[in-house]
Amino acid sequence: MLLERSLEEAPVIERNGYHYFIHPITDGVPEIDADLLREVASRIVRALDTTDFDKIVCVEAMGIHLGTLLSTMLDRPLVIVRKRRYGLDGEIEIVQEKGYGREKLYLNGVSEGDEVVVVDDVVSTGGTLVGVINALREAGAEIKDVVVVIARGGLKRVKEETGIEVKYLVRVEVSEDGVEVVESRYR
């Protein structure tokens, strides 16, 4: 599969002792191949328990291309959790805890009773997903599914803190030697 092959060929750089892989799905560079996008979107659809939901929720920035594809494929509106505060009525601030720092995100466009699917590119620490899931619950939404393309870690944290099992297309381990795909799903 293209996703697995492209991950195993992805360059790895070190930042403050953290081995960071650079990949089109997670970083948008060097370019995102259309065939790879199609494969990933199709696999995400296969991973979903249902297509009976109201909205797709993704996280800026690298969830946007995935959310856009799914929105057009499934004919559902797209809600983007943004890094910028807009100050709209009902806006919910999210503290995003990452392995390399804290940032704030902002949720708009989700109302009480909305049934949502959350889609993102990668889960590493689980901090972003925990924050987004908690904000969606605060808004009164029902979370039907959470799917990420790449699981690097954080799955246990999300499960423990939210009770939600995150689905993923591939699980990877990253070292100075490169990216190893240790599990593939929804092929």
N, C-alpha and C. Protein backbone atom coordinates (compact mmCIF):
# COMPACT_ATOMS: atom_id res chain seq x y z
N MET A 1 0.85 -1.17 0.00
CA MET A 1 0.00 0.00 0.00
C MET A 1 0.90 1.24 0.00
N LEU A 2 0.39 2.29 -0.62
CA LEU A 2 1.16 3.52 -0.74
C LEU A 2 1.50 4.15 0.61
N LEU A 3 0.55 4.14 1.53
CA LEU A 3 0.78 4.77 2.82
C LEU A 3 1.96 4.11 3.54
N GLU A 4 1.94 2.80 3.63
CA GLU A 4 3.01 2.08 4.32
C GLU A 4 4.37 2.32 3.65
N ARG A 5 4.38 2.21 2.33
CA ARG A 5 5.64 2.39 1.59
C ARG A 5 6.18 3.81 1.79
N SER A 6 5.29 4.80 1.70
CA SER A 6 5.74 6.19 1.83
C SER A 6 6.25 6.48 3.24
N LEU A 7 5.64 5.86 4.25
CA LEU A 7 6.13 6.07 5.62
C LEU A 7 7.50 5.46 5.82
N GLU A 8 7.70 4.27 5.29
CA GLU A 8 9.00 3.60 5.45
C GLU A 8 10.11 4.32 4.70
N GLU A 9 9.74 5.15 3.72
CA GLU A 9 10.72 5.94 2.97
C GLU A 9 10.87 7.36 3.52
N ALA A 10 10.08 7.70 4.54
CA ALA A 10 10.07 9.08 5.07
C ALA A 10 11.37 9.40 5.80
N PRO A 11 11.91 10.59 5.57
CA PRO A 11 13.10 10.99 6.31
C PRO A 11 12.76 11.26 7.79
N VAL A 12 13.74 11.04 8.65
CA VAL A 12 13.59 11.29 10.08
C VAL A 12 14.65 12.30 10.49
N ILE A 13 14.21 13.32 11.23
CA ILE A 13 15.14 14.31 11.77
C ILE A 13 15.00 14.31 13.28
N GLU A 14 16.04 14.77 13.96
CA GLU A 14 15.99 14.83 15.42
C GLU A 14 15.80 16.28 15.84
N ARG A 15 14.84 16.47 16.74
CA ARG A 15 14.61 17.80 17.34
C ARG A 15 14.57 17.62 18.84
N ASN A 16 15.60 18.11 19.51
CA ASN A 16 15.67 18.04 20.98
C ASN A 16 15.46 16.62 21.50
N GLY A 17 16.11 15.65 20.86
CA GLY A 17 16.02 14.27 21.30
C GLY A 17 14.79 13.51 20.82
N TYR A 18 13.94 14.17 20.05
CA TYR A 18 12.71 13.54 19.54
C TYR A 18 12.93 13.23 18.07
N HIS A 19 12.69 11.98 17.67
CA HIS A 19 12.83 11.59 16.27
C HIS A 19 11.52 11.89 15.55
N TYR A 20 11.58 12.85 14.66
CA TYR A 20 10.41 13.39 13.98
C TYR A 20 10.45 12.96 12.52
N PHE A 21 9.38 12.28 12.06
CA PHE A 21 9.37 11.88 10.66
C PHE A 21 8.65 12.95 9.83
N ILE A 22 9.12 13.11 8.61
CA ILE A 22 8.54 14.11 7.69
C ILE A 22 7.81 13.34 6.61
N HIS A 23 6.51 13.61 6.50
CA HIS A 23 5.67 12.84 5.59
C HIS A 23 4.60 13.74 4.98
N PRO A 24 4.20 13.50 3.74
CA PRO A 24 3.19 14.34 3.10
C PRO A 24 1.87 14.43 3.88
N ILE A 25 1.41 13.35 4.49
CA ILE A 25 0.13 13.39 5.22
C ILE A 25 0.25 14.20 6.50
N THR A 26 1.37 14.12 7.18
CA THR A 26 1.53 14.81 8.46
C THR A 26 2.17 16.18 8.36
N ASP A 27 2.84 16.46 7.25
CA ASP A 27 3.56 17.72 7.12
C ASP A 27 3.25 18.48 5.83
N GLY A 28 2.68 17.80 4.84
CA GLY A 28 2.38 18.46 3.58
C GLY A 28 3.59 18.68 2.70
N VAL A 29 4.71 18.08 3.03
CA VAL A 29 5.92 18.21 2.22
C VAL A 29 6.52 16.84 1.99
N PRO A 30 7.22 16.62 0.91
CA PRO A 30 7.49 17.62 -0.11
C PRO A 30 6.26 17.93 -0.98
N GLU A 31 5.41 16.96 -1.20
CA GLU A 31 4.14 17.16 -1.91
C GLU A 31 3.22 16.02 -1.50
N ILE A 32 1.93 16.25 -1.64
CA ILE A 32 0.96 15.20 -1.29
C ILE A 32 0.46 14.59 -2.59
N ASP A 33 0.78 13.36 -2.81
CA ASP A 33 0.40 12.64 -4.02
C ASP A 33 -1.11 12.35 -4.02
N ALA A 34 -1.77 12.58 -5.13
CA ALA A 34 -3.22 12.36 -5.23
C ALA A 34 -3.59 10.90 -4.97
N ASP A 35 -2.78 9.96 -5.45
CA ASP A 35 -3.07 8.54 -5.20
C ASP A 35 -3.00 8.20 -3.71
N LEU A 36 -2.04 8.80 -3.02
CA LEU A 36 -1.91 8.59 -1.58
C LEU A 36 -3.12 9.15 -0.85
N LEU A 37 -3.55 10.35 -1.23
CA LEU A 37 -4.74 10.94 -0.61
C LEU A 37 -5.98 10.07 -0.82
N ARG A 38 -6.15 9.58 -2.04
CA ARG A 38 -7.31 8.72 -2.33
C ARG A 38 -7.27 7.45 -1.48
N GLU A 39 -6.09 6.84 -1.40
CA GLU A 39 -5.96 5.62 -0.60
C GLU A 39 -6.30 5.90 0.87
N VAL A 40 -5.74 6.95 1.43
CA VAL A 40 -5.97 7.28 2.83
C VAL A 40 -7.44 7.57 3.08
N ALA A 41 -8.06 8.37 2.23
CA ALA A 41 -9.48 8.71 2.41
C ALA A 41 -10.35 7.46 2.33
N SER A 42 -10.08 6.59 1.38
CA SER A 42 -10.86 5.35 1.25
C SER A 42 -10.70 4.46 2.47
N ARG A 43 -9.50 4.39 3.01
CA ARG A 43 -9.26 3.57 4.19
C ARG A 43 -9.94 4.15 5.42
N ILE A 44 -9.98 5.48 5.51
CA ILE A 44 -10.69 6.10 6.64
C ILE A 44 -12.17 5.77 6.57
N VAL A 45 -12.75 5.85 5.38
CA VAL A 45 -14.18 5.51 5.22
C VAL A 45 -14.42 4.05 5.64
N ARG A 46 -13.51 3.14 5.26
CA ARG A 46 -13.66 1.74 5.67
C ARG A 46 -13.57 1.58 7.19
N ALA A 47 -12.81 2.45 7.83
CA ALA A 47 -12.63 2.36 9.28
C ALA A 47 -13.86 2.83 10.06
N LEU A 48 -14.67 3.67 9.46
CA LEU A 48 -15.83 4.23 10.17
C LEU A 48 -16.85 3.15 10.49
N ASP A 49 -17.38 3.22 11.71
CA ASP A 49 -18.45 2.30 12.09
C ASP A 49 -19.76 2.64 11.38
N THR A 50 -19.91 3.90 11.02
CA THR A 50 -21.15 4.35 10.40
C THR A 50 -20.88 5.55 9.51
N THR A 51 -21.72 5.76 8.55
CA THR A 51 -21.70 7.02 7.79
C THR A 51 -22.95 7.83 8.13
N ASP A 52 -23.62 7.44 9.20
CA ASP A 52 -24.80 8.15 9.68
C ASP A 52 -24.38 9.10 10.80
N PHE A 53 -23.91 10.27 10.42
CA PHE A 53 -23.49 11.30 11.38
C PHE A 53 -23.70 12.65 10.71
N ASP A 54 -23.59 13.71 11.50
CA ASP A 54 -23.91 15.05 11.01
C ASP A 54 -22.71 15.82 10.46
N LYS A 55 -21.56 15.72 11.13
CA LYS A 55 -20.42 16.58 10.77
C LYS A 55 -19.10 15.82 10.93
N ILE A 56 -18.14 16.26 10.13
CA ILE A 56 -16.76 15.79 10.24
C ILE A 56 -15.98 16.88 10.95
N VAL A 57 -15.22 16.52 11.97
CA VAL A 57 -14.39 17.48 12.70
C VAL A 57 -12.94 17.11 12.47
N CYS A 58 -12.14 18.10 12.06
CA CYS A 58 -10.71 17.88 11.88
C CYS A 58 -9.95 19.01 12.57
N VAL A 59 -8.65 18.83 12.72
CA VAL A 59 -7.82 19.78 13.43
C VAL A 59 -6.87 20.46 12.44
N GLU A 60 -6.81 21.78 12.53
CA GLU A 60 -5.86 22.56 11.74
C GLU A 60 -4.45 22.14 12.14
N ALA A 61 -3.50 21.99 11.31
CA ALA A 61 -3.55 22.26 9.90
C ALA A 61 -3.64 20.97 9.10
N MET A 62 -2.96 19.93 9.57
CA MET A 62 -2.82 18.76 8.71
C MET A 62 -4.02 17.82 8.70
N GLY A 63 -5.05 18.13 9.45
CA GLY A 63 -6.29 17.37 9.32
C GLY A 63 -7.20 17.93 8.24
N ILE A 64 -6.91 19.14 7.78
CA ILE A 64 -7.82 19.82 6.85
C ILE A 64 -7.94 19.08 5.52
N HIS A 65 -6.84 18.66 4.94
CA HIS A 65 -6.93 17.97 3.64
C HIS A 65 -7.70 16.66 3.77
N LEU A 66 -7.53 15.97 4.89
CA LEU A 66 -8.26 14.72 5.11
C LEU A 66 -9.75 15.00 5.30
N GLY A 67 -10.06 15.99 6.13
CA GLY A 67 -11.45 16.36 6.37
C GLY A 67 -12.15 16.82 5.11
N THR A 68 -11.45 17.57 4.28
CA THR A 68 -12.04 18.06 3.03
C THR A 68 -12.39 16.91 2.11
N LEU A 69 -11.48 15.97 1.96
CA LEU A 69 -11.76 14.80 1.12
C LEU A 69 -12.98 14.03 1.63
N LEU A 70 -13.01 13.77 2.93
CA LEU A 70 -14.13 13.02 3.51
C LEU A 70 -15.44 13.79 3.40
N SER A 71 -15.38 15.09 3.57
CA SER A 71 -16.58 15.92 3.44
C SER A 71 -17.20 15.78 2.05
N THR A 72 -16.36 15.81 1.04
CA THR A 72 -16.89 15.69 -0.33
C THR A 72 -17.30 14.26 -0.65
N MET A 73 -16.57 13.27 -0.11
CA MET A 73 -16.92 11.87 -0.37
C MET A 73 -18.23 11.47 0.31
N LEU A 74 -18.43 11.97 1.54
CA LEU A 74 -19.57 11.54 2.34
C LEU A 74 -20.69 12.57 2.39
N ASP A 75 -20.48 13.71 1.72
CA ASP A 75 -21.48 14.78 1.66
C ASP A 75 -21.91 15.23 3.05
N ARG A 76 -20.90 15.54 3.88
CA ARG A 76 -21.14 16.03 5.23
C ARG A 76 -20.38 17.34 5.41
N PRO A 77 -20.92 18.25 6.22
CA PRO A 77 -20.20 19.49 6.49
C PRO A 77 -18.92 19.23 7.27
N LEU A 78 -17.98 20.14 7.12
CA LEU A 78 -16.67 20.03 7.75
C LEU A 78 -16.52 21.13 8.79
N VAL A 79 -16.10 20.76 9.99
CA VAL A 79 -15.78 21.70 11.06
C VAL A 79 -14.28 21.59 11.30
N ILE A 80 -13.59 22.73 11.26
CA ILE A 80 -12.15 22.75 11.47
C ILE A 80 -11.85 23.38 12.82
N VAL A 81 -11.21 22.61 13.70
CA VAL A 81 -10.73 23.14 14.96
C VAL A 81 -9.53 24.00 14.62
N ARG A 82 -9.62 25.30 14.96
CA ARG A 82 -8.63 26.27 14.50
C ARG A 82 -7.64 26.68 15.57
N LYS A 83 -6.52 27.20 15.14
CA LYS A 83 -5.50 27.71 16.04
C LYS A 83 -5.74 29.18 16.40
N ARG A 84 -6.71 29.77 15.78
CA ARG A 84 -7.02 31.18 16.00
C ARG A 84 -8.35 31.33 16.72
N ARG A 85 -8.39 32.25 17.65
CA ARG A 85 -9.63 32.58 18.34
C ARG A 85 -10.44 33.53 17.47
N TYR A 86 -11.73 33.21 17.30
CA TYR A 86 -12.62 34.07 16.51
C TYR A 86 -13.59 34.84 17.38
N GLY A 87 -13.85 34.36 18.59
CA GLY A 87 -14.74 35.05 19.50
C GLY A 87 -16.22 34.90 19.17
N LEU A 88 -16.58 33.87 18.42
CA LEU A 88 -17.98 33.64 18.09
C LEU A 88 -18.73 33.10 19.30
N ASP A 89 -20.04 33.30 19.32
CA ASP A 89 -20.86 32.75 20.39
C ASP A 89 -20.69 31.23 20.43
N GLY A 90 -20.47 30.71 21.61
CA GLY A 90 -20.33 29.27 21.77
C GLY A 90 -18.94 28.72 21.50
N GLU A 91 -18.00 29.58 21.13
CA GLU A 91 -16.64 29.11 20.87
C GLU A 91 -16.05 28.48 22.13
N ILE A 92 -15.38 27.34 21.95
CA ILE A 92 -14.78 26.62 23.07
C ILE A 92 -13.27 26.60 22.89
N GLU A 93 -12.56 27.07 23.93
CA GLU A 93 -11.10 27.05 23.91
C GLU A 93 -10.60 25.68 24.35
N ILE A 94 -9.62 25.15 23.64
CA ILE A 94 -9.03 23.85 23.91
C ILE A 94 -7.55 24.06 24.21
N VAL A 95 -7.07 23.47 25.29
CA VAL A 95 -5.63 23.47 25.55
C VAL A 95 -5.07 22.20 24.92
N GLN A 96 -4.20 22.40 23.96
CA GLN A 96 -3.60 21.30 23.21
C GLN A 96 -2.24 20.97 23.83
N GLU A 97 -2.16 19.80 24.45
CA GLU A 97 -0.91 19.35 25.10
C GLU A 97 -0.17 18.43 24.14
N LYS A 98 0.96 18.90 23.65
CA LYS A 98 1.78 18.08 22.76
C LYS A 98 3.07 17.70 23.48
N GLY A 99 3.79 16.78 22.88
CA GLY A 99 5.05 16.35 23.47
C GLY A 99 6.07 17.48 23.52
N TYR A 100 5.90 18.49 22.70
CA TYR A 100 6.89 19.57 22.65
C TYR A 100 6.29 20.91 23.05
N GLY A 101 5.17 20.92 23.76
CA GLY A 101 4.63 22.19 24.24
C GLY A 101 3.12 22.21 24.32
N ARG A 102 2.60 23.38 24.70
CA ARG A 102 1.15 23.59 24.83
C ARG A 102 0.74 24.70 23.88
N GLU A 103 -0.41 24.51 23.26
CA GLU A 103 -0.99 25.53 22.39
C GLU A 103 -2.48 25.58 22.66
N LYS A 104 -3.12 26.61 22.16
CA LYS A 104 -4.57 26.70 22.27
C LYS A 104 -5.20 26.49 20.91
N LEU A 105 -6.33 25.80 20.92
CA LEU A 105 -7.15 25.59 19.74
C LEU A 105 -8.56 26.10 20.06
N TYR A 106 -9.37 26.28 19.01
CA TYR A 106 -10.71 26.82 19.22
C TYR A 106 -11.73 26.06 18.38
N LEU A 107 -12.81 25.65 19.03
CA LEU A 107 -13.88 24.90 18.38
C LEU A 107 -15.08 25.80 18.17
N ASN A 108 -15.56 25.86 16.95
CA ASN A 108 -16.79 26.55 16.58
C ASN A 108 -17.57 25.62 15.67
N GLY A 109 -18.88 25.86 15.56
CA GLY A 109 -19.67 25.15 14.56
C GLY A 109 -20.22 23.81 14.98
N VAL A 110 -20.10 23.46 16.25
CA VAL A 110 -20.67 22.20 16.75
C VAL A 110 -21.68 22.56 17.82
N SER A 111 -22.87 21.98 17.70
CA SER A 111 -23.96 22.28 18.63
C SER A 111 -24.39 21.04 19.39
N GLU A 112 -25.13 21.28 20.44
CA GLU A 112 -25.67 20.17 21.24
C GLU A 112 -26.49 19.25 20.34
N GLY A 113 -26.22 17.96 20.48
CA GLY A 113 -26.94 16.95 19.70
C GLY A 113 -26.29 16.58 18.38
N ASP A 114 -25.30 17.36 17.92
CA ASP A 114 -24.60 17.00 16.68
C ASP A 114 -23.88 15.66 16.86
N GLU A 115 -24.00 14.80 15.86
CA GLU A 115 -23.27 13.54 15.84
C GLU A 115 -22.06 13.75 14.94
N VAL A 116 -20.85 13.54 15.48
CA VAL A 116 -19.64 13.91 14.76
C VAL A 116 -18.66 12.75 14.65
N VAL A 117 -17.83 12.85 13.63
CA VAL A 117 -16.68 11.97 13.44
C VAL A 117 -15.45 12.87 13.47
N VAL A 118 -14.45 12.47 14.24
CA VAL A 118 -13.21 13.23 14.34
C VAL A 118 -12.16 12.53 13.50
N VAL A 119 -11.45 13.31 12.68
CA VAL A 119 -10.41 12.78 11.80
C VAL A 119 -9.16 13.62 11.98
N ASP A 120 -8.00 12.97 12.11
CA ASP A 120 -6.74 13.70 12.19
C ASP A 120 -5.64 12.91 11.52
N ASP A 121 -4.50 13.56 11.33
CA ASP A 121 -3.40 12.93 10.63
C ASP A 121 -2.63 11.95 11.50
N VAL A 122 -2.29 12.35 12.73
CA VAL A 122 -1.44 11.51 13.56
C VAL A 122 -1.78 11.72 15.03
N VAL A 123 -1.63 10.66 15.80
CA VAL A 123 -1.69 10.77 17.26
C VAL A 123 -0.32 10.35 17.78
N SER A 124 0.30 11.27 18.55
CA SER A 124 1.62 10.98 19.13
C SER A 124 1.53 10.87 20.64
N THR A 125 1.09 11.96 21.29
CA THR A 125 0.95 11.93 22.75
C THR A 125 -0.50 11.73 23.17
N GLY A 126 -1.43 12.04 22.28
CA GLY A 126 -2.85 11.97 22.58
C GLY A 126 -3.42 13.28 23.11
N GLY A 127 -2.57 14.24 23.39
CA GLY A 127 -3.01 15.50 23.99
C GLY A 127 -4.00 16.27 23.14
N THR A 128 -3.79 16.34 21.85
CA THR A 128 -4.70 17.06 20.97
C THR A 128 -6.07 16.37 20.95
N LEU A 129 -6.08 15.07 20.77
CA LEU A 129 -7.35 14.36 20.70
C LEU A 129 -8.12 14.44 22.01
N VAL A 130 -7.43 14.33 23.14
CA VAL A 130 -8.11 14.45 24.42
C VAL A 130 -8.78 15.82 24.53
N GLY A 131 -8.07 16.87 24.17
CA GLY A 131 -8.63 18.21 24.22
C GLY A 131 -9.82 18.38 23.30
N VAL A 132 -9.71 17.88 22.08
CA VAL A 132 -10.81 18.01 21.11
C VAL A 132 -12.02 17.21 21.56
N ILE A 133 -11.82 16.00 22.02
CA ILE A 133 -12.93 15.16 22.48
C ILE A 133 -13.64 15.83 23.65
N ASN A 134 -12.89 16.36 24.61
CA ASN A 134 -13.49 17.03 25.75
C ASN A 134 -14.28 18.27 25.32
N ALA A 135 -13.75 19.02 24.37
CA ALA A 135 -14.46 20.21 23.88
C ALA A 135 -15.74 19.82 23.16
N LEU A 136 -15.70 18.77 22.37
CA LEU A 136 -16.90 18.31 21.67
C LEU A 136 -17.97 17.89 22.67
N ARG A 137 -17.56 17.22 23.72
CA ARG A 137 -18.52 16.83 24.76
C ARG A 137 -19.07 18.06 25.47
N GLU A 138 -18.21 19.03 25.72
CA GLU A 138 -18.66 20.28 26.34
C GLU A 138 -19.72 20.97 25.47
N ALA A 139 -19.55 20.87 24.16
CA ALA A 139 -20.52 21.46 23.22
C ALA A 139 -21.81 20.65 23.15
N GLY A 140 -21.80 19.44 23.71
CA GLY A 140 -22.99 18.60 23.69
C GLY A 140 -23.07 17.67 22.50
N ALA A 141 -21.95 17.49 21.80
CA ALA A 141 -21.93 16.61 20.62
C ALA A 141 -21.80 15.15 21.04
N GLU A 142 -22.28 14.28 20.16
CA GLU A 142 -22.08 12.84 20.33
C GLU A 142 -20.98 12.42 19.37
N ILE A 143 -19.93 11.83 19.91
CA ILE A 143 -18.80 11.42 19.08
C ILE A 143 -19.05 10.00 18.60
N LYS A 144 -19.24 9.86 17.29
CA LYS A 144 -19.55 8.56 16.70
C LYS A 144 -18.29 7.74 16.41
N ASP A 145 -17.19 8.42 16.09
CA ASP A 145 -15.95 7.73 15.73
C ASP A 145 -14.80 8.72 15.78
N VAL A 146 -13.60 8.21 16.04
CA VAL A 146 -12.36 8.98 15.96
C VAL A 146 -11.38 8.13 15.16
N VAL A 147 -10.87 8.70 14.06
CA VAL A 147 -9.94 7.98 13.18
C VAL A 147 -8.74 8.87 12.88
N VAL A 148 -7.55 8.30 13.05
CA VAL A 148 -6.32 8.97 12.64
C VAL A 148 -5.63 8.11 11.60
N VAL A 149 -4.83 8.74 10.79
CA VAL A 149 -4.10 8.00 9.76
C VAL A 149 -2.97 7.22 10.42
N ILE A 150 -2.18 7.90 11.27
CA ILE A 150 -0.97 7.31 11.82
C ILE A 150 -1.00 7.36 13.34
N ALA A 151 -0.79 6.22 13.97
CA ALA A 151 -0.66 6.15 15.43
C ALA A 151 0.80 5.94 15.76
N ARG A 152 1.33 6.89 16.49
CA ARG A 152 2.72 6.78 16.93
C ARG A 152 2.78 6.52 18.43
N GLY A 153 1.75 6.86 19.12
CA GLY A 153 1.64 6.72 20.57
C GLY A 153 0.36 7.41 21.00
N GLY A 154 0.13 7.51 22.28
CA GLY A 154 -1.01 8.26 22.79
C GLY A 154 -2.34 7.56 22.78
N LEU A 155 -2.43 6.38 22.19
CA LEU A 155 -3.71 5.68 22.11
C LEU A 155 -4.25 5.33 23.50
N LYS A 156 -3.36 4.85 24.35
CA LYS A 156 -3.74 4.47 25.71
C LYS A 156 -4.22 5.70 26.49
N ARG A 157 -3.52 6.81 26.33
CA ARG A 157 -3.92 8.03 27.03
C ARG A 157 -5.32 8.47 26.63
N VAL A 158 -5.60 8.48 25.33
CA VAL A 158 -6.92 8.89 24.86
C VAL A 158 -7.98 7.96 25.44
N LYS A 159 -7.75 6.67 25.41
CA LYS A 159 -8.70 5.70 25.95
C LYS A 159 -8.93 5.92 27.44
N GLU A 160 -7.85 6.08 28.19
CA GLU A 160 -7.96 6.27 29.64
C GLU A 160 -8.67 7.56 30.01
N GLU A 161 -8.37 8.65 29.29
CA GLU A 161 -8.91 9.96 29.67
C GLU A 161 -10.28 10.26 29.07
N THR A 162 -10.66 9.55 28.00
CA THR A 162 -11.95 9.87 27.35
C THR A 162 -12.87 8.66 27.21
N GLY A 163 -12.31 7.46 27.33
CA GLY A 163 -13.10 6.26 27.11
C GLY A 163 -13.27 5.90 25.64
N ILE A 164 -12.64 6.66 24.76
CA ILE A 164 -12.79 6.43 23.32
C ILE A 164 -11.58 5.67 22.78
N GLU A 165 -11.88 4.65 21.99
CA GLU A 165 -10.86 3.88 21.28
C GLU A 165 -10.61 4.55 19.93
N VAL A 166 -9.40 5.01 19.73
CA VAL A 166 -9.04 5.68 18.48
C VAL A 166 -8.72 4.62 17.43
N LYS A 167 -9.33 4.75 16.27
CA LYS A 167 -8.99 3.87 15.15
C LYS A 167 -7.84 4.50 14.38
N TYR A 168 -7.03 3.66 13.78
CA TYR A 168 -5.90 4.17 13.00
C TYR A 168 -5.67 3.26 11.81
N LEU A 169 -5.06 3.86 10.78
CA LEU A 169 -4.76 3.08 9.57
C LEU A 169 -3.44 2.33 9.71
N VAL A 170 -2.45 2.99 10.31
CA VAL A 170 -1.16 2.35 10.56
C VAL A 170 -0.64 2.76 11.92
N ARG A 171 0.11 1.87 12.52
CA ARG A 171 0.83 2.18 13.76
C ARG A 171 2.31 2.09 13.43
N VAL A 172 3.06 3.11 13.87
CA VAL A 172 4.48 3.17 13.52
C VAL A 172 5.35 3.31 14.76
N GLU A 173 6.60 2.94 14.58
CA GLU A 173 7.65 3.23 15.55
C GLU A 173 8.71 4.01 14.79
N VAL A 174 9.26 5.02 15.45
CA VAL A 174 10.22 5.91 14.79
C VAL A 174 11.50 5.94 15.61
N SER A 175 12.63 5.80 14.91
CA SER A 175 13.94 5.88 15.55
C SER A 175 14.86 6.64 14.60
N GLU A 176 16.08 6.81 15.02
CA GLU A 176 17.06 7.47 14.15
C GLU A 176 17.27 6.70 12.86
N ASP A 177 16.93 5.41 12.87
CA ASP A 177 17.09 4.58 11.68
C ASP A 177 15.94 4.72 10.69
N GLY A 178 14.83 5.33 11.11
CA GLY A 178 13.71 5.51 10.18
C GLY A 178 12.37 5.16 10.80
N VAL A 179 11.38 5.04 9.93
CA VAL A 179 10.01 4.73 10.34
C VAL A 179 9.75 3.26 10.04
N GLU A 180 9.22 2.56 11.03
CA GLU A 180 8.83 1.17 10.83
C GLU A 180 7.32 1.07 11.02
N VAL A 181 6.63 0.56 10.02
CA VAL A 181 5.20 0.31 10.13
C VAL A 181 5.05 -1.03 10.83
N VAL A 182 4.46 -1.01 12.03
CA VAL A 182 4.34 -2.25 12.80
C VAL A 182 2.93 -2.85 12.72
N GLU A 183 1.98 -2.08 12.20
CA GLU A 183 0.62 -2.60 12.03
C GLU A 183 -0.11 -1.79 10.97
N SER A 184 -0.86 -2.50 10.11
CA SER A 184 -1.68 -1.86 9.08
C SER A 184 -3.12 -2.32 9.24
N ARG A 185 -4.05 -1.39 9.03
CA ARG A 185 -5.48 -1.71 9.16
C ARG A 185 -6.27 -1.09 8.02
N TYR A 186 -7.47 -1.63 7.82
CA TYR A 186 -8.47 -1.08 6.88
C TYR A 186 -7.91 -0.96 5.46
N ARG A 187 -7.23 -2.01 5.02
CA ARG A 187 -6.62 -2.00 3.69
C ARG A 187 -7.65 -2.28 2.63
